[in-house]
Amino acid sequence: MDPLQRRLLPSTTALAAFDSVVRLGSFSAAAVELTLTQAAISRQILTLEERLNTTLFIRGGRGVALTPQGVVYHKSIQEALALIRTASLHAITGSPSATLNLAILPTFGTRWLLPRIPNFVSEHPEVTLNFATRIGVFDFASEGIDAAIHIGGDDWPNGECTFLMEEIVAPVCSPAFLKDSAIASEQDLLRLPLLQMRSRPLAWEDWFSSLGIEGKPLANMGFEQFLGVAQACIAGLGVALMPLFLIKPELDSGQLIVASHHRVRSRSNYYLVSPEGLEPPKPVKAFREWLLRETAEFRELESASLPSQ
């Protein structure tokens, strides 16, 4: 190997130190993770910067930040590091990795997906599942995630989106709130405190519009997770638009009640997302096939129960 080729192949120790500092945000945290001294981490980063003839970090009193060159370099080496880890695992175990690292939405994951996971496990006992909670878009390589359940549009950057199902919502509140509010028609909801998901700012406007009701609904509170919205409704803080299947326990127990049976399809859909342009690993393929069967069955049941508009 000539000198130029050697220069273009930094040591894995330096690359591991670089990756750890980026993920954890400081040399000291990286030192703890890699069981090295902070000075050793600093030397590895300096060696890497000298080899690349570029500055990767901006050093400051409150930690470090990547330079533009550092951002590009870190993103570029993620796939290579993942391949090295997979190859090493294969060499150690004698078989390819059958692990699926899956990002799930908090409420959807616990209320809909996890109760069905035993079916997948029985079909694919060879797959080891690791779950991580994520809200919103992230970079698969830097997070070490193979696939993600996503709610929103099919516009995930560098992601391949597979449609799972629509989101259908209806207004719910506590029984006491419904009784005290004297709701005679859907029009009356305009004057009540309305709760919403911050990721769906137009949900109430769309709901009223689908009924031909004019007026500007004013949402009084915003939340990031459906369970937070549900708890606010139970506490009597207002009415919220929610997918009924996510709050079935609260509906069954009587903590929540449907304020109107008018249900609409929201602007958001559920998708399974995986990195674009890469051949999905076998665990991802197996999970996708299984999940598509599960969601197809669920969509059929939901469609049968959805009132005609």
C-alpha atoms as a PDB file:
ATOM      1  CA  MET A   1       0.000   0.000   0.000  1.00  0.00           C
ATOM      2  CA  ASP A   2       1.471   3.342  -1.029  1.00  0.00           C
ATOM      3  CA  PRO A   3       1.670   6.338   1.367  1.00  0.00           C
ATOM      4  CA  LEU A   4      -1.384   8.069  -0.127  1.00  0.00           C
ATOM      5  CA  GLN A   5      -3.543   4.983   0.345  1.00  0.00           C
ATOM      6  CA  ARG A   6      -2.367   4.658   3.946  1.00  0.00           C
ATOM      7  CA  ARG A   7      -3.233   8.288   4.569  1.00  0.00           C
ATOM      8  CA  LEU A   8      -6.762   7.694   3.266  1.00  0.00           C
ATOM      9  CA  LEU A   9      -7.320   4.849   5.758  1.00  0.00           C
ATOM     10  CA  PRO A  10      -7.362   6.307   9.282  1.00  0.00           C
ATOM     11  CA  SER A  11      -7.201   3.927  12.219  1.00  0.00           C
ATOM     12  CA  THR A  12     -10.462   2.482  13.508  1.00  0.00           C
ATOM     13  CA  THR A  13      -9.503   3.821  16.954  1.00  0.00           C
ATOM     14  CA  ALA A  14      -9.454   7.369  15.603  1.00  0.00           C
ATOM     15  CA  LEU A  15     -12.715   6.854  13.723  1.00  0.00           C
ATOM     16  CA  ALA A  16     -14.387   5.388  16.820  1.00  0.00           C
ATOM     17  CA  ALA A  17     -13.208   8.354  18.890  1.00  0.00           C
ATOM     18  CA  PHE A  18     -14.479  10.793  16.266  1.00  0.00           C
ATOM     19  CA  ASP A  19     -17.876   9.081  16.068  1.00  0.00           C
ATOM     20  CA  SER A  20     -18.212   8.982  19.855  1.00  0.00           C
ATOM     21  CA  VAL A  21     -17.395  12.689  20.271  1.00  0.00           C
ATOM     22  CA  VAL A  22     -19.953  13.595  17.596  1.00  0.00           C
ATOM     23  CA  ARG A  23     -22.708  11.516  19.179  1.00  0.00           C
ATOM     24  CA  LEU A  24     -22.030  12.523  22.784  1.00  0.00           C
ATOM     25  CA  GLY A  25     -21.009  16.132  22.222  1.00  0.00           C
ATOM     26  CA  SER A  26     -17.791  16.215  24.255  1.00  0.00           C
ATOM     27  CA  PHE A  27     -14.341  14.652  24.549  1.00  0.00           C
ATOM     28  CA  SER A  28     -14.952  13.743  28.195  1.00  0.00           C
ATOM     29  CA  ALA A  29     -18.156  11.812  27.451  1.00  0.00           C
ATOM     30  CA  ALA A  30     -16.427   9.989  24.587  1.00  0.00           C
ATOM     31  CA  ALA A  31     -13.573   9.080  26.930  1.00  0.00           C
ATOM     32  CA  VAL A  32     -16.018   7.475  29.359  1.00  0.00           C
ATOM     33  CA  GLU A  33     -17.772   5.541  26.588  1.00  0.00           C
ATOM     34  CA  LEU A  34     -14.530   4.213  25.101  1.00  0.00           C
ATOM     35  CA  THR A  35     -12.797   3.733  28.485  1.00  0.00           C
ATOM     36  CA  LEU A  36      -9.942   6.027  27.464  1.00  0.00           C
ATOM     37  CA  THR A  37      -8.577   9.214  28.965  1.00  0.00           C
ATOM     38  CA  GLN A  38      -9.756  12.552  27.670  1.00  0.00           C
ATOM     39  CA  ALA A  39      -6.189  13.253  26.551  1.00  0.00           C
ATOM     40  CA  ALA A  40      -6.188  10.034  24.524  1.00  0.00           C
ATOM     41  CA  ILE A  41      -9.419  11.036  22.802  1.00  0.00           C
ATOM     42  CA  SER A  42      -7.954  14.454  22.033  1.00  0.00           C
ATOM     43  CA  ARG A  43      -4.829  12.856  20.535  1.00  0.00           C
ATOM     44  CA  GLN A  44      -6.919  10.559  18.328  1.00  0.00           C
ATOM     45  CA  ILE A  45      -8.940  13.493  17.002  1.00  0.00           C
ATOM     46  CA  LEU A  46      -5.818  15.585  16.348  1.00  0.00           C
ATOM     47  CA  THR A  47      -4.200  12.662  14.544  1.00  0.00           C
ATOM     48  CA  LEU A  48      -7.301  12.237  12.386  1.00  0.00           C
ATOM     49  CA  GLU A  49      -7.437  15.955  11.560  1.00  0.00           C
ATOM     50  CA  GLU A  50      -3.735  15.961  10.628  1.00  0.00           C
ATOM     51  CA  ARG A  51      -4.210  12.913   8.423  1.00  0.00           C
ATOM     52  CA  LEU A  52      -7.171  14.523   6.651  1.00  0.00           C
ATOM     53  CA  ASN A  53      -5.530  17.960   6.635  1.00  0.00           C
ATOM     54  CA  THR A  54      -8.765  19.545   7.820  1.00  0.00           C
ATOM     55  CA  THR A  55     -10.389  20.759  11.041  1.00  0.00           C
ATOM     56  CA  LEU A  56     -13.288  18.552  12.112  1.00  0.00           C
ATOM     57  CA  PHE A  57     -14.344  20.298  15.326  1.00  0.00           C
ATOM     58  CA  ILE A  58     -14.773  23.822  16.616  1.00  0.00           C
ATOM     59  CA  ARG A  59     -13.478  23.752  20.191  1.00  0.00           C
ATOM     60  CA  GLY A  60     -15.240  25.935  22.742  1.00  0.00           C
ATOM     61  CA  GLY A  61     -15.664  26.355  26.459  1.00  0.00           C
ATOM     62  CA  ARG A  62     -19.036  24.613  26.377  1.00  0.00           C
ATOM     63  CA  GLY A  63     -18.059  21.575  24.360  1.00  0.00           C
ATOM     64  CA  VAL A  64     -17.362  20.975  20.705  1.00  0.00           C
ATOM     65  CA  ALA A  65     -19.271  21.423  17.466  1.00  0.00           C
ATOM     66  CA  LEU A  66     -18.648  19.964  14.037  1.00  0.00           C
ATOM     67  CA  THR A  67     -17.267  22.121  11.259  1.00  0.00           C
ATOM     68  CA  PRO A  68     -19.058  21.853   7.887  1.00  0.00           C
ATOM     69  CA  GLN A  69     -16.291  19.461   6.766  1.00  0.00           C
ATOM     70  CA  GLY A  70     -16.799  17.461   9.957  1.00  0.00           C
ATOM     71  CA  VAL A  71     -20.531  17.128   9.320  1.00  0.00           C
ATOM     72  CA  VAL A  72     -19.943  15.776   5.813  1.00  0.00           C
ATOM     73  CA  TYR A  73     -17.178  13.416   6.945  1.00  0.00           C
ATOM     74  CA  HIS A  74     -19.179  11.988   9.850  1.00  0.00           C
ATOM     75  CA  LYS A  75     -22.204  11.323   7.663  1.00  0.00           C
ATOM     76  CA  SER A  76     -20.033   9.700   4.987  1.00  0.00           C
ATOM     77  CA  ILE A  77     -18.310   7.193   7.282  1.00  0.00           C
ATOM     78  CA  GLN A  78     -21.474   5.927   9.022  1.00  0.00           C
ATOM     79  CA  GLU A  79     -22.246   3.222   6.473  1.00  0.00           C
ATOM     80  CA  ALA A  80     -18.623   2.053   6.509  1.00  0.00           C
ATOM     81  CA  LEU A  81     -18.597   1.793  10.312  1.00  0.00           C
ATOM     82  CA  ALA A  82     -21.892  -0.115  10.230  1.00  0.00           C
ATOM     83  CA  LEU A  83     -20.451  -2.557   7.675  1.00  0.00           C
ATOM     84  CA  ILE A  84     -17.372  -3.112   9.843  1.00  0.00           C
ATOM     85  CA  ARG A  85     -19.548  -3.822  12.887  1.00  0.00           C
ATOM     86  CA  THR A  86     -21.712  -6.257  10.905  1.00  0.00           C
ATOM     87  CA  ALA A  87     -18.701  -8.029   9.414  1.00  0.00           C
ATOM     88  CA  SER A  88     -17.086  -8.322  12.845  1.00  0.00           C
ATOM     89  CA  LEU A  89     -20.259  -9.792  14.318  1.00  0.00           C
ATOM     90  CA  HIS A  90     -20.426 -12.262  11.438  1.00  0.00           C
ATOM     91  CA  ALA A  91     -16.818 -13.284  12.048  1.00  0.00           C
ATOM     92  CA  ILE A  92     -17.431 -13.739  15.781  1.00  0.00           C
ATOM     93  CA  THR A  93     -20.737 -15.610  15.582  1.00  0.00           C
ATOM     94  CA  GLY A  94     -20.272 -17.378  12.273  1.00  0.00           C
ATOM     95  CA  SER A  95     -23.608 -16.091  10.972  1.00  0.00           C
ATOM     96  CA  PRO A  96     -24.967 -12.797   9.638  1.00  0.00           C
ATOM     97  CA  SER A  97     -26.660 -10.479  12.089  1.00  0.00           C
ATOM     98  CA  ALA A  98     -30.392 -11.086  12.490  1.00  0.00           C
ATOM     99  CA  THR A  99     -30.999  -7.958  14.536  1.00  0.00           C
ATOM    100  CA  LEU A 100     -33.631  -5.341  13.736  1.00  0.00           C
ATOM    101  CA  ASN A 101     -33.174  -1.920  15.334  1.00  0.00           C
ATOM    102  CA  LEU A 102     -36.594  -0.300  15.018  1.00  0.00           C
ATOM    103  CA  ALA A 103     -37.650   3.248  15.884  1.00  0.00           C
ATOM    104  CA  ILE A 104     -41.253   3.438  17.063  1.00  0.00           C
ATOM    105  CA  LEU A 105     -43.681   6.204  17.935  1.00  0.00           C
ATOM    106  CA  PRO A 106     -44.424   6.311  21.687  1.00  0.00           C
ATOM    107  CA  THR A 107     -48.203   5.850  21.701  1.00  0.00           C
ATOM    108  CA  PHE A 108     -48.545   3.896  18.458  1.00  0.00           C
ATOM    109  CA  GLY A 109     -45.721   1.628  19.551  1.00  0.00           C
ATOM    110  CA  THR A 110     -47.125   0.766  22.965  1.00  0.00           C
ATOM    111  CA  ARG A 111     -50.828   0.731  22.072  1.00  0.00           C
ATOM    112  CA  TRP A 112     -50.867  -0.815  18.569  1.00  0.00           C
ATOM    113  CA  LEU A 113     -47.536  -2.345  17.573  1.00  0.00           C
ATOM    114  CA  LEU A 114     -46.181  -4.073  20.691  1.00  0.00           C
ATOM    115  CA  PRO A 115     -49.364  -6.095  21.386  1.00  0.00           C
ATOM    116  CA  ARG A 116     -48.942  -7.584  17.883  1.00  0.00           C
ATOM    117  CA  ILE A 117     -45.193  -8.206  18.097  1.00  0.00           C
ATOM    118  CA  PRO A 118     -45.595 -11.739  19.575  1.00  0.00           C
ATOM    119  CA  ASN A 119     -47.020 -12.768  16.191  1.00  0.00           C
ATOM    120  CA  PHE A 120     -43.877 -11.541  14.444  1.00  0.00           C
ATOM    121  CA  VAL A 121     -41.634 -13.234  17.002  1.00  0.00           C
ATOM    122  CA  SER A 122     -43.412 -16.549  16.495  1.00  0.00           C
ATOM    123  CA  GLU A 123     -42.938 -16.249  12.717  1.00  0.00           C
ATOM    124  CA  HIS A 124     -39.321 -15.077  12.942  1.00  0.00           C
ATOM    125  CA  PRO A 125     -37.720 -16.341  16.160  1.00  0.00           C
ATOM    126  CA  GLU A 126     -34.303 -15.814  14.569  1.00  0.00           C
ATOM    127  CA  VAL A 127     -34.720 -12.005  14.597  1.00  0.00           C
ATOM    128  CA  THR A 128     -33.629 -10.044  17.661  1.00  0.00           C
ATOM    129  CA  LEU A 129     -35.698  -6.874  18.056  1.00  0.00           C
ATOM    130  CA  ASN A 130     -34.353  -3.666  19.582  1.00  0.00           C
ATOM    131  CA  PHE A 131     -36.820  -0.792  20.022  1.00  0.00           C
ATOM    132  CA  ALA A 132     -36.040   2.915  20.290  1.00  0.00           C
ATOM    133  CA  THR A 133     -38.555   5.726  20.705  1.00  0.00           C
ATOM    134  CA  ARG A 134     -38.271   8.490  18.135  1.00  0.00           C
ATOM    135  CA  ILE A 135     -40.529  11.383  17.135  1.00  0.00           C
ATOM    136  CA  GLY A 136     -39.814  13.067  13.821  1.00  0.00           C
ATOM    137  CA  VAL A 137     -37.145  12.627  11.171  1.00  0.00           C
ATOM    138  CA  PHE A 138     -33.590  11.513  11.976  1.00  0.00           C
ATOM    139  CA  ASP A 139     -30.519  10.107  10.201  1.00  0.00           C
ATOM    140  CA  PHE A 140     -30.580   6.299  10.131  1.00  0.00           C
ATOM    141  CA  ALA A 141     -26.823   5.795   9.927  1.00  0.00           C
ATOM    142  CA  SER A 142     -25.843   8.078  12.788  1.00  0.00           C
ATOM    143  CA  GLU A 143     -28.631   6.713  15.016  1.00  0.00           C
ATOM    144  CA  GLY A 144     -27.887   3.052  14.253  1.00  0.00           C
ATOM    145  CA  ILE A 145     -31.527   2.452  13.258  1.00  0.00           C
ATOM    146  CA  ASP A 146     -32.591   0.002  10.519  1.00  0.00           C
ATOM    147  CA  ALA A 147     -36.199   1.152  10.066  1.00  0.00           C
ATOM    148  CA  ALA A 148     -38.758   3.468  11.644  1.00  0.00           C
ATOM    149  CA  ILE A 149     -42.505   3.768  12.087  1.00  0.00           C
ATOM    150  CA  HIS A 150     -43.340   7.312  10.977  1.00  0.00           C
ATOM    151  CA  ILE A 151     -46.459   9.474  11.075  1.00  0.00           C
ATOM    152  CA  GLY A 152     -46.681  12.312   8.584  1.00  0.00           C
ATOM    153  CA  GLY A 153     -45.944  12.531   4.868  1.00  0.00           C
ATOM    154  CA  ASP A 154     -43.936  10.292   2.551  1.00  0.00           C
ATOM    155  CA  ASP A 155     -41.152  12.871   2.237  1.00  0.00           C
ATOM    156  CA  TRP A 156     -38.496  11.510   4.641  1.00  0.00           C
ATOM    157  CA  PRO A 157     -35.096  12.752   3.325  1.00  0.00           C
ATOM    158  CA  ASN A 158     -33.077   9.829   1.926  1.00  0.00           C
ATOM    159  CA  GLY A 159     -35.734   7.438   3.184  1.00  0.00           C
ATOM    160  CA  GLU A 160     -37.904   4.871   1.417  1.00  0.00           C
ATOM    161  CA  CYS A 161     -41.470   5.202   2.734  1.00  0.00           C
ATOM    162  CA  THR A 162     -43.875   2.250   2.642  1.00  0.00           C
ATOM    163  CA  PHE A 163     -47.507   3.201   3.288  1.00  0.00           C
ATOM    164  CA  LEU A 164     -49.104   1.406   6.233  1.00  0.00           C
ATOM    165  CA  MET A 165     -52.409   3.132   6.952  1.00  0.00           C
ATOM    166  CA  GLU A 166     -54.252   6.415   7.234  1.00  0.00           C
ATOM    167  CA  GLU A 167     -54.887   8.257  10.458  1.00  0.00           C
ATOM    168  CA  ILE A 168     -58.603   8.636  11.225  1.00  0.00           C
ATOM    169  CA  VAL A 169     -59.604  10.933  14.089  1.00  0.00           C
ATOM    170  CA  ALA A 170     -62.694  11.858  16.110  1.00  0.00           C
ATOM    171  CA  PRO A 171     -63.267  14.366  18.946  1.00  0.00           C
ATOM    172  CA  VAL A 172     -63.111  12.991  22.500  1.00  0.00           C
ATOM    173  CA  CYS A 173     -63.350  14.425  26.002  1.00  0.00           C
ATOM    174  CA  SER A 174     -64.159  13.351  29.545  1.00  0.00           C
ATOM    175  CA  PRO A 175     -67.788  12.433  30.391  1.00  0.00           C
ATOM    176  CA  ALA A 176     -67.942  15.255  32.953  1.00  0.00           C
ATOM    177  CA  PHE A 177     -66.678  17.798  30.421  1.00  0.00           C
ATOM    178  CA  LEU A 178     -69.247  16.635  27.862  1.00  0.00           C
ATOM    179  CA  LYS A 179     -72.060  16.942  30.404  1.00  0.00           C
ATOM    180  CA  ASP A 180     -71.006  20.395  31.608  1.00  0.00           C
ATOM    181  CA  SER A 181     -70.486  21.744  28.081  1.00  0.00           C
ATOM    182  CA  ALA A 182     -74.029  21.042  26.865  1.00  0.00           C
ATOM    183  CA  ILE A 183     -72.959  20.075  23.346  1.00  0.00           C
ATOM    184  CA  ALA A 184     -76.066  19.965  21.161  1.00  0.00           C
ATOM    185  CA  SER A 185     -74.264  19.871  17.805  1.00  0.00           C
ATOM    186  CA  GLU A 186     -70.777  19.861  16.300  1.00  0.00           C
ATOM    187  CA  GLN A 187     -71.100  23.645  15.868  1.00  0.00           C
ATOM    188  CA  ASP A 188     -70.959  23.980  19.665  1.00  0.00           C
ATOM    189  CA  LEU A 189     -67.405  22.638  19.727  1.00  0.00           C
ATOM    190  CA  LEU A 190     -66.172  25.916  18.235  1.00  0.00           C
ATOM    191  CA  ARG A 191     -66.753  27.695  21.548  1.00  0.00           C
ATOM    192  CA  LEU A 192     -65.021  25.048  23.693  1.00  0.00           C
ATOM    193  CA  PRO A 193     -61.339  24.632  24.657  1.00  0.00           C
ATOM    194  CA  LEU A 194     -59.748  22.577  21.878  1.00  0.00           C
ATOM    195  CA  LEU A 195     -56.602  20.508  22.387  1.00  0.00           C
ATOM    196  CA  GLN A 196     -54.322  19.419  19.564  1.00  0.00           C
ATOM    197  CA  MET A 197     -51.097  17.702  18.608  1.00  0.00           C
ATOM    198  CA  ARG A 198     -48.472  20.303  17.757  1.00  0.00           C
ATOM    199  CA  SER A 199     -47.540  18.269  14.687  1.00  0.00           C
ATOM    200  CA  ARG A 200     -51.115  18.634  13.359  1.00  0.00           C
ATOM    201  CA  PRO A 201     -51.922  22.369  13.586  1.00  0.00           C
ATOM    202  CA  LEU A 202     -54.703  22.202  10.970  1.00  0.00           C
ATOM    203  CA  ALA A 203     -56.513  19.152  12.358  1.00  0.00           C
ATOM    204  CA  TRP A 204     -59.431  21.015  13.916  1.00  0.00           C
ATOM    205  CA  GLU A 205     -59.802  23.326  10.946  1.00  0.00           C
ATOM    206  CA  ASP A 206     -60.024  20.286   8.644  1.00  0.00           C
ATOM    207  CA  TRP A 207     -62.561  18.586  10.916  1.00  0.00           C
ATOM    208  CA  PHE A 208     -64.924  21.561  11.020  1.00  0.00           C
ATOM    209  CA  SER A 209     -64.460  22.167   7.292  1.00  0.00           C
ATOM    210  CA  SER A 210     -65.505  18.577   6.519  1.00  0.00           C
ATOM    211  CA  LEU A 211     -68.847  19.377   8.191  1.00  0.00           C
ATOM    212  CA  GLY A 212     -69.265  22.675   6.371  1.00  0.00           C
ATOM    213  CA  ILE A 213     -68.951  24.587   9.639  1.00  0.00           C
ATOM    214  CA  GLU A 214     -67.481  28.054   9.214  1.00  0.00           C
ATOM    215  CA  GLY A 215     -65.411  29.695  11.899  1.00  0.00           C
ATOM    216  CA  LYS A 216     -61.868  29.762  13.166  1.00  0.00           C
ATOM    217  CA  PRO A 217     -61.248  27.043  15.760  1.00  0.00           C
ATOM    218  CA  LEU A 218     -58.829  28.144  18.450  1.00  0.00           C
ATOM    219  CA  ALA A 219     -56.669  25.406  19.943  1.00  0.00           C
ATOM    220  CA  ASN A 220     -55.855  26.290  23.552  1.00  0.00           C
ATOM    221  CA  MET A 221     -53.131  23.702  24.223  1.00  0.00           C
ATOM    222  CA  GLY A 222     -50.623  21.776  22.119  1.00  0.00           C
ATOM    223  CA  PHE A 223     -48.963  18.441  22.889  1.00  0.00           C
ATOM    224  CA  GLU A 224     -46.224  16.271  21.386  1.00  0.00           C
ATOM    225  CA  GLN A 225     -47.705  12.858  22.258  1.00  0.00           C
ATOM    226  CA  PHE A 226     -51.212  11.436  22.102  1.00  0.00           C
ATOM    227  CA  LEU A 227     -51.051  10.085  25.656  1.00  0.00           C
ATOM    228  CA  GLY A 228     -50.434  13.635  26.881  1.00  0.00           C
ATOM    229  CA  VAL A 229     -53.508  14.800  24.978  1.00  0.00           C
ATOM    230  CA  ALA A 230     -55.534  11.928  26.438  1.00  0.00           C
ATOM    231  CA  GLN A 231     -54.508  12.805  29.992  1.00  0.00           C
ATOM    232  CA  ALA A 232     -55.423  16.449  29.404  1.00  0.00           C
ATOM    233  CA  CYS A 233     -58.863  15.372  28.191  1.00  0.00           C
ATOM    234  CA  ILE A 234     -59.339  13.106  31.202  1.00  0.00           C
ATOM    235  CA  ALA A 235     -58.461  16.072  33.422  1.00  0.00           C
ATOM    236  CA  GLY A 236     -61.289  18.029  31.797  1.00  0.00           C
ATOM    237  CA  LEU A 237     -59.133  20.548  29.963  1.00  0.00           C
ATOM    238  CA  GLY A 238     -60.993  20.325  26.667  1.00  0.00           C
ATOM    239  CA  VAL A 239     -61.812  18.316  23.548  1.00  0.00           C
ATOM    240  CA  ALA A 240     -59.196  16.657  21.331  1.00  0.00           C
ATOM    241  CA  LEU A 241     -59.122  14.948  17.948  1.00  0.00           C
ATOM    242  CA  MET A 242     -57.627  11.491  18.389  1.00  0.00           C
ATOM    243  CA  PRO A 243     -57.375   8.132  16.604  1.00  0.00           C
ATOM    244  CA  LEU A 244     -59.802   6.047  18.650  1.00  0.00           C
ATOM    245  CA  PHE A 245     -57.712   2.872  18.441  1.00  0.00           C
ATOM    246  CA  LEU A 246     -54.891   4.578  20.354  1.00  0.00           C
ATOM    247  CA  ILE A 247     -57.124   5.399  23.330  1.00  0.00           C
ATOM    248  CA  LYS A 248     -59.222   2.227  23.462  1.00  0.00           C
ATOM    249  CA  PRO A 249     -58.360   1.545  27.150  1.00  0.00           C
ATOM    250  CA  GLU A 250     -59.537   5.027  28.142  1.00  0.00           C
ATOM    251  CA  LEU A 251     -62.733   4.655  26.080  1.00  0.00           C
ATOM    252  CA  ASP A 252     -63.446   1.182  27.461  1.00  0.00           C
ATOM    253  CA  SER A 253     -62.920   2.353  31.047  1.00  0.00           C
ATOM    254  CA  GLY A 254     -65.187   5.371  30.580  1.00  0.00           C
ATOM    255  CA  GLN A 255     -62.436   7.900  31.283  1.00  0.00           C
ATOM    256  CA  LEU A 256     -62.968   9.322  27.805  1.00  0.00           C
ATOM    257  CA  ILE A 257     -66.049   9.523  25.628  1.00  0.00           C
ATOM    258  CA  VAL A 258     -66.629  10.395  21.978  1.00  0.00           C
ATOM    259  CA  ALA A 259     -67.947  13.950  21.728  1.00  0.00           C
ATOM    260  CA  SER A 260     -69.071  13.485  18.116  1.00  0.00           C
ATOM    261  CA  HIS A 261     -69.190  10.390  15.933  1.00  0.00           C
ATOM    262  CA  HIS A 262     -68.021  12.377  12.920  1.00  0.00           C
ATOM    263  CA  ARG A 263     -64.623  10.949  11.976  1.00  0.00           C
ATOM    264  CA  VAL A 264     -62.251  12.251   9.304  1.00  0.00           C
ATOM    265  CA  ARG A 265     -59.004  11.181   7.699  1.00  0.00           C
ATOM    266  CA  SER A 266     -56.204  13.458   8.824  1.00  0.00           C
ATOM    267  CA  ARG A 267     -53.421  14.791   6.626  1.00  0.00           C
ATOM    268  CA  SER A 268     -50.978  12.362   8.242  1.00  0.00           C
ATOM    269  CA  ASN A 269     -50.397   8.718   7.357  1.00  0.00           C
ATOM    270  CA  TYR A 270     -48.398   5.943   8.997  1.00  0.00           C
ATOM    271  CA  TYR A 271     -45.331   4.704   7.111  1.00  0.00           C
ATOM    272  CA  LEU A 272     -42.523   2.228   7.575  1.00  0.00           C
ATOM    273  CA  VAL A 273     -39.328   4.033   6.576  1.00  0.00           C
ATOM    274  CA  SER A 274     -35.917   2.537   5.794  1.00  0.00           C
ATOM    275  CA  PRO A 275     -32.746   4.018   4.247  1.00  0.00           C
ATOM    276  CA  GLU A 276     -33.137   4.807   0.569  1.00  0.00           C
ATOM    277  CA  GLY A 277     -30.800   3.263  -1.987  1.00  0.00           C
ATOM    278  CA  LEU A 278     -29.661   0.358   0.207  1.00  0.00           C
ATOM    279  CA  GLU A 279     -30.708  -3.267  -0.061  1.00  0.00           C
ATOM    280  CA  PRO A 280     -32.764  -3.846   3.115  1.00  0.00           C
ATOM    281  CA  PRO A 281     -31.340  -6.515   5.449  1.00  0.00           C
ATOM    282  CA  LYS A 282     -33.356  -9.717   5.782  1.00  0.00           C
ATOM    283  CA  PRO A 283     -34.826  -8.711   9.185  1.00  0.00           C
ATOM    284  CA  VAL A 284     -36.155  -5.466   7.672  1.00  0.00           C
ATOM    285  CA  LYS A 285     -37.683  -7.341   4.726  1.00  0.00           C
ATOM    286  CA  ALA A 286     -39.312  -9.877   7.039  1.00  0.00           C
ATOM    287  CA  PHE A 287     -40.687  -7.168   9.317  1.00  0.00           C
ATOM    288  CA  ARG A 288     -42.013  -5.140   6.389  1.00  0.00           C
ATOM    289  CA  GLU A 289     -43.877  -8.132   4.935  1.00  0.00           C
ATOM    290  CA  TRP A 290     -45.378  -8.989   8.316  1.00  0.00           C
ATOM    291  CA  LEU A 291     -46.322  -5.385   9.121  1.00  0.00           C
ATOM    292  CA  LEU A 292     -48.036  -4.904   5.755  1.00  0.00           C
ATOM    293  CA  ARG A 293     -50.222  -7.936   6.471  1.00  0.00           C
ATOM    294  CA  GLU A 294     -51.098  -6.634   9.936  1.00  0.00           C
ATOM    295  CA  THR A 295     -51.938  -3.118   8.760  1.00  0.00           C
ATOM    296  CA  ALA A 296     -53.971  -4.401   5.787  1.00  0.00           C
ATOM    297  CA  GLU A 297     -56.137  -6.410   8.184  1.00  0.00           C
ATOM    298  CA  PHE A 298     -56.454  -3.418  10.512  1.00  0.00           C
ATOM    299  CA  ARG A 299     -57.396  -1.081   7.646  1.00  0.00           C
ATOM    300  CA  GLU A 300     -60.162  -3.455   6.614  1.00  0.00           C
ATOM    301  CA  LEU A 301     -61.591  -3.480  10.141  1.00  0.00           C
ATOM    302  CA  GLU A 302     -61.318   0.311  10.423  1.00  0.00           C
ATOM    303  CA  SER A 303     -62.996   0.817   7.053  1.00  0.00           C
ATOM    304  CA  ALA A 304     -65.915  -1.379   8.088  1.00  0.00           C
ATOM    305  CA  SER A 305     -66.451   0.687  11.247  1.00  0.00           C
ATOM    306  CA  LEU A 306     -66.024   4.114   9.598  1.00  0.00           C
ATOM    307  CA  PRO A 307     -69.369   5.879   9.024  1.00  0.00           C
ATOM    308  CA  SER A 308     -69.997   6.937   5.437  1.00  0.00           C
ATOM    309  CA  GLN A 309     -69.451  10.663   5.047  1.00  0.00           C
END
